[in-house]
């Protein structure tokens, strides 16, 4: 991961926490009280730890990709049609919004598996689970849509 998404996390005021290596569990108890600084985040990434964003004012919709779903690159315009930042995970994708996503969820054909907000968190790039990386659609260019 280049420095651009990491810089963007801090421009967006993401509340970043360290996550255990090859895991989804926070590294420390009380994780929701202690966000990492930019330099701390860089060091944890360099040392091979995963990182996550605590949702706080974000709404993160977590979708699982169905078995046999088209490859991402064959369906890239579908993901771009959300009009917001999308991150791919080893088993699906996360759609990021600010504001209340109820209008999107109510009309969406596919319901999210999980909706994260407040003190819930989601792993973000460059995190890896079993060697499979999290990554941003279009390198996180564009805005997080406010609903």
Foldseek 3Di string as FASTA:
>chain_A
DDCVVLVVCVVVPFQKFWAAALDDHGPDPVRLPDGDDSVRVVVSVVVRIWMKTFAAQKKKFAAFDDVPDDDCVVVVVVVVVVQFKKKAAPGGIIAIAGEDCVVVQVPPPDHGPDIGYRRDIDIAPQGDHPNTGMAIRVRRPGHHYYD
